[in-house]
Amino acid sequence: MVRLLLSLIFVFCLFEVGCGGNGALASFDVDQTTQTFVQKILYNNKVDIIFIVDNSSSMQQHQNSLSQQIPALVAALQGL
């Protein structure tokens, strides 16, 4: 019983110290602040494209297909 009473007194003392000693609950309010940031974003629409082409004879049909498709690719990229 004495041990329980001492424990309660200890907890009460901790509460008093933690709350500023006046028994009132501590306030942790933070001042409300609003800030507006403006940033101008510039986009770079330039790109480098590298094609690595297998020049073995077994890839000839794919090379021809690629060379025929390049103008359409360039036109599509210029339209962006």
N, C-alpha and C. Protein backbone atom coordinates (compact mmCIF):
# COMPACT_ATOMS: atom_id res chain seq x y z
N MET A 1 0.82 -1.19 0.00
CA MET A 1 0.00 0.00 0.00
C MET A 1 0.87 1.26 0.00
N VAL A 2 1.91 1.23 0.85
CA VAL A 2 2.82 2.37 0.92
C VAL A 2 3.53 2.54 -0.43
N ARG A 3 3.88 1.43 -1.03
CA ARG A 3 4.56 1.46 -2.31
C ARG A 3 3.66 2.09 -3.38
N LEU A 4 2.38 1.76 -3.39
CA LEU A 4 1.42 2.32 -4.33
C LEU A 4 1.27 3.81 -4.11
N LEU A 5 1.19 4.23 -2.85
CA LEU A 5 1.06 5.64 -2.52
C LEU A 5 2.29 6.42 -2.97
N LEU A 6 3.48 5.87 -2.74
CA LEU A 6 4.70 6.54 -3.17
C LEU A 6 4.77 6.63 -4.70
N SER A 7 4.30 5.59 -5.36
CA SER A 7 4.29 5.61 -6.83
C SER A 7 3.37 6.69 -7.35
N LEU A 8 2.20 6.82 -6.74
CA LEU A 8 1.25 7.85 -7.16
C LEU A 8 1.81 9.25 -6.91
N ILE A 9 2.47 9.44 -5.79
CA ILE A 9 3.08 10.74 -5.48
C ILE A 9 4.17 11.05 -6.50
N PHE A 10 4.96 10.06 -6.85
CA PHE A 10 6.03 10.24 -7.83
C PHE A 10 5.44 10.63 -9.20
N VAL A 11 4.38 9.94 -9.61
CA VAL A 11 3.75 10.25 -10.89
C VAL A 11 3.16 11.65 -10.87
N PHE A 12 2.54 12.04 -9.77
CA PHE A 12 1.98 13.38 -9.65
C PHE A 12 3.08 14.43 -9.74
N CYS A 13 4.22 14.19 -9.09
CA CYS A 13 5.34 15.14 -9.16
C CYS A 13 5.86 15.26 -10.59
N LEU A 14 5.95 14.15 -11.30
CA LEU A 14 6.38 14.20 -12.69
C LEU A 14 5.40 15.01 -13.53
N PHE A 15 4.11 14.83 -13.28
CA PHE A 15 3.09 15.57 -14.00
C PHE A 15 3.25 17.06 -13.76
N GLU A 16 3.48 17.44 -12.52
CA GLU A 16 3.65 18.85 -12.18
C GLU A 16 4.87 19.45 -12.87
N VAL A 17 5.96 18.73 -12.85
CA VAL A 17 7.19 19.23 -13.48
C VAL A 17 7.01 19.33 -14.99
N GLY A 18 6.41 18.30 -15.58
CA GLY A 18 6.23 18.28 -17.02
C GLY A 18 5.24 19.31 -17.52
N CYS A 19 4.36 19.77 -16.68
CA CYS A 19 3.33 20.72 -17.10
C CYS A 19 3.63 22.13 -16.60
N GLY A 20 4.84 22.40 -16.27
CA GLY A 20 5.21 23.76 -15.88
C GLY A 20 5.05 24.05 -14.40
N GLY A 21 4.66 23.09 -13.63
CA GLY A 21 4.60 23.26 -12.18
C GLY A 21 3.32 23.92 -11.68
N ASN A 22 2.44 24.37 -12.57
CA ASN A 22 1.22 25.02 -12.08
C ASN A 22 0.00 24.12 -12.23
N GLY A 23 0.20 22.89 -12.67
CA GLY A 23 -0.89 21.94 -12.77
C GLY A 23 -1.69 22.07 -14.06
N ALA A 24 -1.44 23.13 -14.83
CA ALA A 24 -2.16 23.32 -16.09
C ALA A 24 -1.48 22.51 -17.19
N LEU A 25 -2.26 22.09 -18.13
CA LEU A 25 -1.69 21.36 -19.25
C LEU A 25 -0.85 22.30 -20.11
N ALA A 26 0.26 21.81 -20.60
CA ALA A 26 1.14 22.61 -21.44
C ALA A 26 0.49 22.83 -22.80
N SER A 27 0.75 23.98 -23.37
CA SER A 27 0.21 24.31 -24.69
C SER A 27 1.32 24.18 -25.73
N PHE A 28 1.02 23.46 -26.79
CA PHE A 28 2.00 23.26 -27.85
C PHE A 28 1.52 23.87 -29.15
N ASP A 29 0.73 24.94 -29.06
CA ASP A 29 0.23 25.59 -30.25
C ASP A 29 1.37 26.22 -31.04
N VAL A 30 1.26 26.13 -32.35
CA VAL A 30 2.26 26.71 -33.24
C VAL A 30 1.56 27.83 -34.00
N ASP A 31 2.24 28.97 -34.11
CA ASP A 31 1.67 30.08 -34.86
C ASP A 31 1.45 29.65 -36.31
N GLN A 32 0.29 30.00 -36.83
CA GLN A 32 -0.03 29.63 -38.20
C GLN A 32 0.57 30.66 -39.15
N THR A 33 1.32 30.20 -40.12
CA THR A 33 1.99 31.07 -41.08
C THR A 33 1.71 30.56 -42.48
N THR A 34 1.45 31.49 -43.38
CA THR A 34 1.23 31.13 -44.78
C THR A 34 2.29 31.82 -45.62
N GLN A 35 2.92 31.06 -46.49
CA GLN A 35 3.91 31.62 -47.40
C GLN A 35 3.59 31.16 -48.81
N THR A 36 3.78 32.03 -49.77
CA THR A 36 3.53 31.69 -51.16
C THR A 36 4.85 31.77 -51.91
N PHE A 37 5.14 30.72 -52.65
CA PHE A 37 6.36 30.67 -53.43
C PHE A 37 5.98 30.59 -54.91
N VAL A 38 6.67 31.36 -55.72
CA VAL A 38 6.43 31.35 -57.16
C VAL A 38 7.74 30.97 -57.83
N GLN A 39 7.64 30.03 -58.75
CA GLN A 39 8.83 29.58 -59.45
C GLN A 39 8.49 29.43 -60.93
N LYS A 40 9.32 30.02 -61.76
CA LYS A 40 9.13 29.89 -63.20
C LYS A 40 9.85 28.62 -63.65
N ILE A 41 9.12 27.77 -64.34
CA ILE A 41 9.68 26.49 -64.79
C ILE A 41 9.92 26.57 -66.28
N LEU A 42 11.14 26.31 -66.66
CA LEU A 42 11.50 26.28 -68.08
C LEU A 42 11.73 24.84 -68.49
N TYR A 43 11.16 24.47 -69.62
CA TYR A 43 11.30 23.11 -70.10
C TYR A 43 12.24 23.09 -71.29
N ASN A 44 13.09 22.11 -71.31
CA ASN A 44 13.99 21.91 -72.44
C ASN A 44 13.43 20.74 -73.24
N ASN A 45 12.99 21.02 -74.45
CA ASN A 45 12.38 19.96 -75.25
C ASN A 45 13.36 19.36 -76.25
N LYS A 46 14.63 19.57 -76.04
CA LYS A 46 15.64 18.99 -76.92
C LYS A 46 16.07 17.64 -76.36
N VAL A 47 16.33 16.71 -77.26
CA VAL A 47 16.71 15.37 -76.83
C VAL A 47 17.70 14.78 -77.83
N ASP A 48 18.60 14.00 -77.34
CA ASP A 48 19.52 13.25 -78.20
C ASP A 48 19.04 11.81 -78.25
N ILE A 49 18.96 11.28 -79.44
CA ILE A 49 18.55 9.89 -79.61
C ILE A 49 19.68 9.15 -80.30
N ILE A 50 20.05 8.04 -79.73
CA ILE A 50 21.12 7.22 -80.29
C ILE A 50 20.53 5.88 -80.70
N PHE A 51 20.77 5.50 -81.92
CA PHE A 51 20.35 4.19 -82.41
C PHE A 51 21.58 3.30 -82.51
N ILE A 52 21.50 2.16 -81.94
CA ILE A 52 22.56 1.15 -82.08
C ILE A 52 22.00 0.07 -82.99
N VAL A 53 22.61 -0.07 -84.13
CA VAL A 53 22.07 -0.95 -85.16
C VAL A 53 23.03 -2.12 -85.39
N ASP A 54 22.45 -3.28 -85.34
CA ASP A 54 23.20 -4.51 -85.66
C ASP A 54 23.31 -4.58 -87.18
N ASN A 55 24.53 -4.54 -87.69
CA ASN A 55 24.70 -4.52 -89.14
C ASN A 55 24.99 -5.91 -89.72
N SER A 56 24.60 -6.94 -89.02
CA SER A 56 24.79 -8.27 -89.59
C SER A 56 23.73 -8.51 -90.66
N SER A 57 24.01 -9.41 -91.55
CA SER A 57 23.12 -9.64 -92.69
C SER A 57 21.75 -10.16 -92.25
N SER A 58 21.68 -10.84 -91.14
CA SER A 58 20.40 -11.38 -90.67
C SER A 58 19.46 -10.26 -90.21
N MET A 59 19.98 -9.06 -89.99
CA MET A 59 19.16 -7.94 -89.51
C MET A 59 18.78 -6.97 -90.63
N GLN A 60 19.08 -7.33 -91.89
CA GLN A 60 18.87 -6.43 -93.02
C GLN A 60 17.41 -5.95 -93.11
N GLN A 61 16.46 -6.85 -92.96
CA GLN A 61 15.05 -6.44 -93.08
C GLN A 61 14.66 -5.46 -91.98
N HIS A 62 15.23 -5.62 -90.77
CA HIS A 62 14.93 -4.70 -89.66
C HIS A 62 15.61 -3.35 -89.89
N GLN A 63 16.80 -3.36 -90.50
CA GLN A 63 17.48 -2.11 -90.83
C GLN A 63 16.66 -1.31 -91.85
N ASN A 64 16.14 -2.01 -92.85
CA ASN A 64 15.33 -1.34 -93.86
C ASN A 64 14.07 -0.75 -93.24
N SER A 65 13.43 -1.51 -92.37
CA SER A 65 12.23 -1.03 -91.70
C SER A 65 12.54 0.20 -90.85
N LEU A 66 13.65 0.16 -90.15
CA LEU A 66 14.05 1.29 -89.31
C LEU A 66 14.30 2.52 -90.16
N SER A 67 15.02 2.38 -91.25
CA SER A 67 15.33 3.54 -92.10
C SER A 67 14.06 4.13 -92.72
N GLN A 68 13.06 3.31 -92.98
CA GLN A 68 11.80 3.82 -93.53
C GLN A 68 10.96 4.54 -92.46
N GLN A 69 11.15 4.19 -91.21
CA GLN A 69 10.35 4.75 -90.12
C GLN A 69 10.95 6.04 -89.53
N ILE A 70 12.23 6.31 -89.82
CA ILE A 70 12.90 7.47 -89.22
C ILE A 70 12.20 8.78 -89.56
N PRO A 71 11.79 9.05 -90.81
CA PRO A 71 11.11 10.33 -91.09
C PRO A 71 9.83 10.51 -90.28
N ALA A 72 9.06 9.47 -90.07
CA ALA A 72 7.84 9.57 -89.26
C ALA A 72 8.18 9.87 -87.81
N LEU A 73 9.26 9.28 -87.29
CA LEU A 73 9.69 9.54 -85.94
C LEU A 73 10.10 11.01 -85.77
N VAL A 74 10.88 11.49 -86.71
CA VAL A 74 11.33 12.89 -86.65
C VAL A 74 10.13 13.83 -86.72
N ALA A 75 9.19 13.56 -87.60
CA ALA A 75 7.99 14.42 -87.70
C ALA A 75 7.19 14.41 -86.41
N ALA A 76 7.04 13.24 -85.82
CA ALA A 76 6.29 13.14 -84.56
C ALA A 76 6.99 13.91 -83.44
N LEU A 77 8.30 13.81 -83.38
CA LEU A 77 9.05 14.54 -82.34
C LEU A 77 9.00 16.04 -82.56
N GLN A 78 9.03 16.48 -83.80
CA GLN A 78 8.97 17.92 -84.07
C GLN A 78 7.60 18.50 -83.72
N GLY A 79 6.59 17.64 -83.73
CA GLY A 79 5.25 18.09 -83.39
C GLY A 79 4.99 18.25 -81.90
N LEU A 80 5.92 17.83 -81.08
CA LEU A 80 5.74 17.94 -79.63
C LEU A 80 5.98 19.36 -79.14
